[in-house]
């Protein structure tokens, strides 16, 4: 006799970069087993692949993880954890030899958008670019780049992030990676600073928390990215 099937509640998560909303279910014992794999795992590639697998498992609609930005992935995972286990987590803040415990409400954690951040701008004369956010994979390549080829990794990210080029007459959407590399290399130096500003002001998963020490004093700390939340 077949066992009864479990019906899971579905909740909605709006992707920060696209503002599209998808349905998700809480993660189950299957995903909990995957999370155990993350504990004490220092291999960033394996950690990111596991997080992507969990998100894919829990999304009840078709979603292309490969096209989402790093902050999208982090945000989805935070909200999944909040809905699946509970929104309150306990963390430890270390300052010198002092350790202070505090709690964070994950339901209050959001992606912060820089007021000067632009995804479309004029880069030279009448020529402009529309940017797309670095994917998980491109951020991973940058993370794993060695010191002697970090400049190449950053340049590759510039190439990957340009979605299209436009001028007064046309929007250019069809080009090879080699053509885009040649285009960027032909730009005056100050133009690269505009692309760099796009990357420097990208949205980030961020939360400010006030910590109270034993002596009664307080301090505001800023948590950024999954690594600061220690939710594995």
C-alpha atoms as a PDB file:
ATOM      1  CA  UNK A   1       0.000   0.000   0.000  1.00  0.00           C
ATOM      2  CA  UNK A   2       1.377   3.378  -0.983  1.00  0.00           C
ATOM      3  CA  UNK A   3       2.095   5.807   1.857  1.00  0.00           C
ATOM      4  CA  UNK A   4       0.269   9.142   1.930  1.00  0.00           C
ATOM      5  CA  UNK A   5       1.929  12.047   0.173  1.00  0.00           C
ATOM      6  CA  UNK A   6       2.874  15.109   2.193  1.00  0.00           C
ATOM      7  CA  UNK A   7       1.348  18.403   1.100  1.00  0.00           C
ATOM      8  CA  UNK A   8       3.582  21.379   1.776  1.00  0.00           C
ATOM      9  CA  UNK A   9       2.503  25.013   2.135  1.00  0.00           C
ATOM     10  CA  UNK A  10       3.659  27.387  -0.613  1.00  0.00           C
ATOM     11  CA  UNK A  11       4.904  30.906   0.055  1.00  0.00           C
ATOM     12  CA  UNK A  12       6.064  33.651  -2.296  1.00  0.00           C
ATOM     13  CA  UNK A  13       9.518  35.206  -2.655  1.00  0.00           C
ATOM     14  CA  UNK A  14      10.134  38.254  -4.854  1.00  0.00           C
ATOM     15  CA  UNK A  15      13.545  38.223  -6.533  1.00  0.00           C
ATOM     16  CA  UNK A  16      15.313  41.520  -5.670  1.00  0.00           C
ATOM     17  CA  UNK A  17      16.992  42.089  -9.051  1.00  0.00           C
ATOM     18  CA  UNK A  18      14.047  41.251 -11.323  1.00  0.00           C
ATOM     19  CA  UNK A  19      11.066  41.914  -9.005  1.00  0.00           C
ATOM     20  CA  UNK A  20       9.541  38.647 -10.283  1.00  0.00           C
ATOM     21  CA  UNK A  21       7.722  36.518  -7.710  1.00  0.00           C
ATOM     22  CA  UNK A  22       8.035  32.730  -7.439  1.00  0.00           C
ATOM     23  CA  UNK A  23       6.382  30.109  -5.273  1.00  0.00           C
ATOM     24  CA  UNK A  24       8.507  28.075  -2.848  1.00  0.00           C
ATOM     25  CA  UNK A  25       7.895  25.298  -0.347  1.00  0.00           C
ATOM     26  CA  UNK A  26       9.774  24.995   2.961  1.00  0.00           C
ATOM     27  CA  UNK A  27      12.748  22.676   2.817  1.00  0.00           C
ATOM     28  CA  UNK A  28      12.324  19.172   4.164  1.00  0.00           C
ATOM     29  CA  UNK A  29      14.502  16.410   5.605  1.00  0.00           C
ATOM     30  CA  UNK A  30      15.921  15.966   2.089  1.00  0.00           C
ATOM     31  CA  UNK A  31      17.255  19.536   2.085  1.00  0.00           C
ATOM     32  CA  UNK A  32      18.312  19.300   5.747  1.00  0.00           C
ATOM     33  CA  UNK A  33      20.627  16.475   4.744  1.00  0.00           C
ATOM     34  CA  UNK A  34      22.146  18.714   2.082  1.00  0.00           C
ATOM     35  CA  UNK A  35      22.628  21.455   4.683  1.00  0.00           C
ATOM     36  CA  UNK A  36      24.594  19.065   6.883  1.00  0.00           C
ATOM     37  CA  UNK A  37      27.033  18.819   3.983  1.00  0.00           C
ATOM     38  CA  UNK A  38      27.731  22.557   4.294  1.00  0.00           C
ATOM     39  CA  UNK A  39      28.925  22.436   7.890  1.00  0.00           C
ATOM     40  CA  UNK A  40      32.700  22.866   8.151  1.00  0.00           C
ATOM     41  CA  UNK A  41      32.956  22.859   4.349  1.00  0.00           C
ATOM     42  CA  UNK A  42      35.489  25.440   3.158  1.00  0.00           C
ATOM     43  CA  UNK A  43      35.087  24.655  -0.548  1.00  0.00           C
ATOM     44  CA  UNK A  44      33.172  27.698  -1.796  1.00  0.00           C
ATOM     45  CA  UNK A  45      32.277  25.991  -5.080  1.00  0.00           C
ATOM     46  CA  UNK A  46      30.660  23.032  -3.317  1.00  0.00           C
ATOM     47  CA  UNK A  47      28.833  25.314  -0.877  1.00  0.00           C
ATOM     48  CA  UNK A  48      27.346  27.430  -3.682  1.00  0.00           C
ATOM     49  CA  UNK A  49      26.363  24.375  -5.704  1.00  0.00           C
ATOM     50  CA  UNK A  50      24.563  22.918  -2.676  1.00  0.00           C
ATOM     51  CA  UNK A  51      22.688  26.170  -2.029  1.00  0.00           C
ATOM     52  CA  UNK A  52      21.592  26.286  -5.670  1.00  0.00           C
ATOM     53  CA  UNK A  53      20.376  22.677  -5.456  1.00  0.00           C
ATOM     54  CA  UNK A  54      18.309  23.447  -2.348  1.00  0.00           C
ATOM     55  CA  UNK A  55      16.717  26.489  -4.018  1.00  0.00           C
ATOM     56  CA  UNK A  56      15.920  24.460  -7.128  1.00  0.00           C
ATOM     57  CA  UNK A  57      14.384  21.700  -5.009  1.00  0.00           C
ATOM     58  CA  UNK A  58      12.148  24.124  -3.090  1.00  0.00           C
ATOM     59  CA  UNK A  59      10.967  26.303  -5.967  1.00  0.00           C
ATOM     60  CA  UNK A  60       7.590  25.024  -7.171  1.00  0.00           C
ATOM     61  CA  UNK A  61       7.917  26.956 -10.429  1.00  0.00           C
ATOM     62  CA  UNK A  62      10.539  26.891 -13.147  1.00  0.00           C
ATOM     63  CA  UNK A  63      13.425  29.183 -12.232  1.00  0.00           C
ATOM     64  CA  UNK A  64      16.824  29.590 -13.910  1.00  0.00           C
ATOM     65  CA  UNK A  65      19.289  29.794 -11.014  1.00  0.00           C
ATOM     66  CA  UNK A  66      22.219  30.352 -13.377  1.00  0.00           C
ATOM     67  CA  UNK A  67      20.847  33.781 -14.345  1.00  0.00           C
ATOM     68  CA  UNK A  68      20.341  35.058 -10.816  1.00  0.00           C
ATOM     69  CA  UNK A  69      22.830  37.335  -9.088  1.00  0.00           C
ATOM     70  CA  UNK A  70      24.703  36.421  -5.930  1.00  0.00           C
ATOM     71  CA  UNK A  71      22.545  38.733  -3.799  1.00  0.00           C
ATOM     72  CA  UNK A  72      19.397  37.126  -5.278  1.00  0.00           C
ATOM     73  CA  UNK A  73      20.621  33.673  -4.266  1.00  0.00           C
ATOM     74  CA  UNK A  74      21.566  34.826  -0.772  1.00  0.00           C
ATOM     75  CA  UNK A  75      18.209  36.545  -0.304  1.00  0.00           C
ATOM     76  CA  UNK A  76      16.214  33.503  -1.449  1.00  0.00           C
ATOM     77  CA  UNK A  77      18.183  31.225   0.839  1.00  0.00           C
ATOM     78  CA  UNK A  78      17.676  33.538   3.851  1.00  0.00           C
ATOM     79  CA  UNK A  79      13.914  33.594   3.233  1.00  0.00           C
ATOM     80  CA  UNK A  80      13.822  29.810   2.736  1.00  0.00           C
ATOM     81  CA  UNK A  81      15.557  29.294   6.062  1.00  0.00           C
ATOM     82  CA  UNK A  82      13.181  31.733   7.753  1.00  0.00           C
ATOM     83  CA  UNK A  83      10.093  29.943   6.435  1.00  0.00           C
ATOM     84  CA  UNK A  84      11.443  26.410   6.930  1.00  0.00           C
ATOM     85  CA  UNK A  85      13.054  26.492  10.379  1.00  0.00           C
ATOM     86  CA  UNK A  86      12.180  29.846  11.914  1.00  0.00           C
ATOM     87  CA  UNK A  87      13.194  33.451  11.455  1.00  0.00           C
ATOM     88  CA  UNK A  88      15.163  33.868  14.697  1.00  0.00           C
ATOM     89  CA  UNK A  89      18.821  32.807  14.692  1.00  0.00           C
ATOM     90  CA  UNK A  90      21.487  33.127  17.369  1.00  0.00           C
ATOM     91  CA  UNK A  91      24.894  34.502  16.417  1.00  0.00           C
ATOM     92  CA  UNK A  92      28.115  35.307  18.247  1.00  0.00           C
ATOM     93  CA  UNK A  93      29.995  38.575  17.720  1.00  0.00           C
ATOM     94  CA  UNK A  94      33.703  38.409  18.474  1.00  0.00           C
ATOM     95  CA  UNK A  95      35.618  41.545  19.417  1.00  0.00           C
ATOM     96  CA  UNK A  96      39.119  40.756  20.575  1.00  0.00           C
ATOM     97  CA  UNK A  97      38.805  38.169  23.339  1.00  0.00           C
ATOM     98  CA  UNK A  98      35.207  39.148  24.045  1.00  0.00           C
ATOM     99  CA  UNK A  99      32.319  37.059  22.695  1.00  0.00           C
ATOM    100  CA  UNK A 100      28.787  38.438  22.733  1.00  0.00           C
ATOM    101  CA  UNK A 101      25.700  36.458  21.790  1.00  0.00           C
ATOM    102  CA  UNK A 102      22.847  38.169  19.970  1.00  0.00           C
ATOM    103  CA  UNK A 103      19.818  37.228  17.899  1.00  0.00           C
ATOM    104  CA  UNK A 104      18.783  38.258  14.390  1.00  0.00           C
ATOM    105  CA  UNK A 105      15.299  38.103  12.893  1.00  0.00           C
ATOM    106  CA  UNK A 106      15.800  36.850   9.334  1.00  0.00           C
ATOM    107  CA  UNK A 107      12.370  38.134   8.336  1.00  0.00           C
ATOM    108  CA  UNK A 108      13.828  41.639   8.704  1.00  0.00           C
ATOM    109  CA  UNK A 109      16.864  40.991   6.483  1.00  0.00           C
ATOM    110  CA  UNK A 110      16.616  42.631   3.069  1.00  0.00           C
ATOM    111  CA  UNK A 111      18.735  43.521   0.053  1.00  0.00           C
ATOM    112  CA  UNK A 112      19.981  47.108   0.240  1.00  0.00           C
ATOM    113  CA  UNK A 113      20.137  49.228  -2.927  1.00  0.00           C
ATOM    114  CA  UNK A 114      22.756  51.976  -3.240  1.00  0.00           C
ATOM    115  CA  UNK A 115      21.162  55.355  -4.124  1.00  0.00           C
ATOM    116  CA  UNK A 116      23.761  56.027  -6.849  1.00  0.00           C
ATOM    117  CA  UNK A 117      23.519  52.602  -8.441  1.00  0.00           C
ATOM    118  CA  UNK A 118      22.631  52.598 -12.149  1.00  0.00           C
ATOM    119  CA  UNK A 119      22.176  49.658 -14.497  1.00  0.00           C
ATOM    120  CA  UNK A 120      22.004  51.766 -17.678  1.00  0.00           C
ATOM    121  CA  UNK A 121      24.206  54.750 -18.418  1.00  0.00           C
ATOM    122  CA  UNK A 122      26.127  56.660 -21.105  1.00  0.00           C
ATOM    123  CA  UNK A 123      29.687  55.465 -21.192  1.00  0.00           C
ATOM    124  CA  UNK A 124      31.277  57.577 -23.961  1.00  0.00           C
ATOM    125  CA  UNK A 125      29.864  60.401 -26.134  1.00  0.00           C
ATOM    126  CA  UNK A 126      26.487  59.060 -27.322  1.00  0.00           C
ATOM    127  CA  UNK A 127      27.314  55.409 -26.588  1.00  0.00           C
ATOM    128  CA  UNK A 128      25.737  53.741 -23.575  1.00  0.00           C
ATOM    129  CA  UNK A 129      25.587  50.330 -21.964  1.00  0.00           C
ATOM    130  CA  UNK A 130      22.922  48.373 -20.126  1.00  0.00           C
ATOM    131  CA  UNK A 131      24.368  46.144 -17.412  1.00  0.00           C
ATOM    132  CA  UNK A 132      23.345  42.809 -15.956  1.00  0.00           C
ATOM    133  CA  UNK A 133      24.405  41.566 -12.544  1.00  0.00           C
ATOM    134  CA  UNK A 134      27.244  39.063 -12.143  1.00  0.00           C
ATOM    135  CA  UNK A 135      25.950  35.524 -11.823  1.00  0.00           C
ATOM    136  CA  UNK A 136      26.924  33.030  -9.164  1.00  0.00           C
ATOM    137  CA  UNK A 137      29.396  31.504 -11.582  1.00  0.00           C
ATOM    138  CA  UNK A 138      31.181  34.737 -12.486  1.00  0.00           C
ATOM    139  CA  UNK A 139      31.478  35.701  -8.808  1.00  0.00           C
ATOM    140  CA  UNK A 140      32.887  32.263  -8.099  1.00  0.00           C
ATOM    141  CA  UNK A 141      35.518  32.660 -10.830  1.00  0.00           C
ATOM    142  CA  UNK A 142      36.550  35.972  -9.288  1.00  0.00           C
ATOM    143  CA  UNK A 143      36.645  34.415  -5.813  1.00  0.00           C
ATOM    144  CA  UNK A 144      38.897  31.613  -7.028  1.00  0.00           C
ATOM    145  CA  UNK A 145      41.193  33.793  -9.137  1.00  0.00           C
ATOM    146  CA  UNK A 146      44.830  33.755  -8.121  1.00  0.00           C
ATOM    147  CA  UNK A 147      46.639  36.985  -7.251  1.00  0.00           C
ATOM    148  CA  UNK A 148      48.626  36.987 -10.491  1.00  0.00           C
ATOM    149  CA  UNK A 149      45.515  36.838 -12.697  1.00  0.00           C
ATOM    150  CA  UNK A 150      42.986  38.801 -10.654  1.00  0.00           C
ATOM    151  CA  UNK A 151      42.985  41.631 -13.228  1.00  0.00           C
ATOM    152  CA  UNK A 152      42.003  39.163 -15.946  1.00  0.00           C
ATOM    153  CA  UNK A 153      39.159  37.865 -13.770  1.00  0.00           C
ATOM    154  CA  UNK A 154      37.865  41.404 -13.165  1.00  0.00           C
ATOM    155  CA  UNK A 155      38.058  42.191 -16.889  1.00  0.00           C
ATOM    156  CA  UNK A 156      36.108  39.010 -17.679  1.00  0.00           C
ATOM    157  CA  UNK A 157      33.445  40.145 -15.228  1.00  0.00           C
ATOM    158  CA  UNK A 158      33.213  43.492 -17.036  1.00  0.00           C
ATOM    159  CA  UNK A 159      32.627  41.593 -20.283  1.00  0.00           C
ATOM    160  CA  UNK A 160      30.022  39.278 -18.752  1.00  0.00           C
ATOM    161  CA  UNK A 161      28.062  42.114 -17.145  1.00  0.00           C
ATOM    162  CA  UNK A 162      27.380  44.184 -20.272  1.00  0.00           C
ATOM    163  CA  UNK A 163      23.962  43.105 -21.492  1.00  0.00           C
ATOM    164  CA  UNK A 164      23.783  45.428 -24.490  1.00  0.00           C
ATOM    165  CA  UNK A 165      25.314  48.536 -26.054  1.00  0.00           C
ATOM    166  CA  UNK A 166      23.258  51.377 -27.496  1.00  0.00           C
ATOM    167  CA  UNK A 167      23.682  54.666 -29.341  1.00  0.00           C
ATOM    168  CA  UNK A 168      21.317  57.214 -30.851  1.00  0.00           C
ATOM    169  CA  UNK A 169      20.288  54.859 -33.638  1.00  0.00           C
ATOM    170  CA  UNK A 170      20.419  51.273 -32.403  1.00  0.00           C
ATOM    171  CA  UNK A 171      20.602  48.802 -29.533  1.00  0.00           C
ATOM    172  CA  UNK A 172      23.318  46.183 -30.057  1.00  0.00           C
ATOM    173  CA  UNK A 173      22.385  42.870 -28.459  1.00  0.00           C
ATOM    174  CA  UNK A 174      24.153  40.343 -30.645  1.00  0.00           C
ATOM    175  CA  UNK A 175      27.900  40.126 -30.154  1.00  0.00           C
ATOM    176  CA  UNK A 176      30.535  37.594 -29.219  1.00  0.00           C
ATOM    177  CA  UNK A 177      32.611  37.697 -26.063  1.00  0.00           C
ATOM    178  CA  UNK A 178      35.626  38.549 -28.202  1.00  0.00           C
ATOM    179  CA  UNK A 179      33.801  41.487 -29.779  1.00  0.00           C
ATOM    180  CA  UNK A 180      32.771  42.802 -26.380  1.00  0.00           C
ATOM    181  CA  UNK A 181      36.337  42.426 -25.087  1.00  0.00           C
ATOM    182  CA  UNK A 182      37.611  44.433 -28.055  1.00  0.00           C
ATOM    183  CA  UNK A 183      34.946  47.087 -27.431  1.00  0.00           C
ATOM    184  CA  UNK A 184      35.949  47.505 -23.782  1.00  0.00           C
ATOM    185  CA  UNK A 185      39.659  47.630 -24.643  1.00  0.00           C
ATOM    186  CA  UNK A 186      38.955  50.474 -27.088  1.00  0.00           C
ATOM    187  CA  UNK A 187      37.328  52.673 -24.421  1.00  0.00           C
ATOM    188  CA  UNK A 188      39.146  55.576 -22.744  1.00  0.00           C
ATOM    189  CA  UNK A 189      40.352  54.775 -19.222  1.00  0.00           C
ATOM    190  CA  UNK A 190      37.738  56.909 -17.462  1.00  0.00           C
ATOM    191  CA  UNK A 191      34.952  54.843 -19.040  1.00  0.00           C
ATOM    192  CA  UNK A 192      36.079  51.782 -17.097  1.00  0.00           C
ATOM    193  CA  UNK A 193      35.490  53.702 -13.860  1.00  0.00           C
ATOM    194  CA  UNK A 194      31.786  53.923 -14.774  1.00  0.00           C
ATOM    195  CA  UNK A 195      31.582  50.141 -15.165  1.00  0.00           C
ATOM    196  CA  UNK A 196      33.516  49.705 -11.938  1.00  0.00           C
ATOM    197  CA  UNK A 197      31.046  51.972 -10.141  1.00  0.00           C
ATOM    198  CA  UNK A 198      28.231  49.666 -11.259  1.00  0.00           C
ATOM    199  CA  UNK A 199      30.005  46.752  -9.551  1.00  0.00           C
ATOM    200  CA  UNK A 200      31.028  48.745  -6.469  1.00  0.00           C
ATOM    201  CA  UNK A 201      27.469  49.950  -5.804  1.00  0.00           C
ATOM    202  CA  UNK A 202      25.674  46.685  -6.514  1.00  0.00           C
ATOM    203  CA  UNK A 203      22.834  45.697  -4.186  1.00  0.00           C
ATOM    204  CA  UNK A 204      23.907  43.632  -1.192  1.00  0.00           C
ATOM    205  CA  UNK A 205      22.212  41.464   1.409  1.00  0.00           C
ATOM    206  CA  UNK A 206      22.722  43.585   4.512  1.00  0.00           C
ATOM    207  CA  UNK A 207      21.359  43.942   8.016  1.00  0.00           C
ATOM    208  CA  UNK A 208      22.281  46.338  10.825  1.00  0.00           C
ATOM    209  CA  UNK A 209      22.064  44.976  14.351  1.00  0.00           C
ATOM    210  CA  UNK A 210      22.653  46.648  17.694  1.00  0.00           C
ATOM    211  CA  UNK A 211      24.671  44.515  20.131  1.00  0.00           C
ATOM    212  CA  UNK A 212      24.522  45.089  23.863  1.00  0.00           C
ATOM    213  CA  UNK A 213      27.625  44.183  25.885  1.00  0.00           C
ATOM    214  CA  UNK A 214      27.684  42.951  29.472  1.00  0.00           C
ATOM    215  CA  UNK A 215      28.816  46.356  30.734  1.00  0.00           C
ATOM    216  CA  UNK A 216      25.681  47.949  29.244  1.00  0.00           C
ATOM    217  CA  UNK A 217      27.407  49.601  26.267  1.00  0.00           C
ATOM    218  CA  UNK A 218      26.080  49.042  22.759  1.00  0.00           C
ATOM    219  CA  UNK A 219      27.514  48.833  19.262  1.00  0.00           C
ATOM    220  CA  UNK A 220      25.927  48.642  15.824  1.00  0.00           C
ATOM    221  CA  UNK A 221      27.336  45.941  13.554  1.00  0.00           C
ATOM    222  CA  UNK A 222      26.607  45.332   9.879  1.00  0.00           C
ATOM    223  CA  UNK A 223      26.024  41.807   8.576  1.00  0.00           C
ATOM    224  CA  UNK A 224      26.608  41.297   4.836  1.00  0.00           C
ATOM    225  CA  UNK A 225      26.136  38.174   2.769  1.00  0.00           C
ATOM    226  CA  UNK A 226      25.444  34.625   3.918  1.00  0.00           C
ATOM    227  CA  UNK A 227      28.857  34.244   5.522  1.00  0.00           C
ATOM    228  CA  UNK A 228      27.944  36.756   8.244  1.00  0.00           C
ATOM    229  CA  UNK A 229      24.718  35.009   9.175  1.00  0.00           C
ATOM    230  CA  UNK A 230      26.211  31.556   9.826  1.00  0.00           C
ATOM    231  CA  UNK A 231      22.886  29.910   9.135  1.00  0.00           C
ATOM    232  CA  UNK A 232      24.186  26.583   7.915  1.00  0.00           C
END
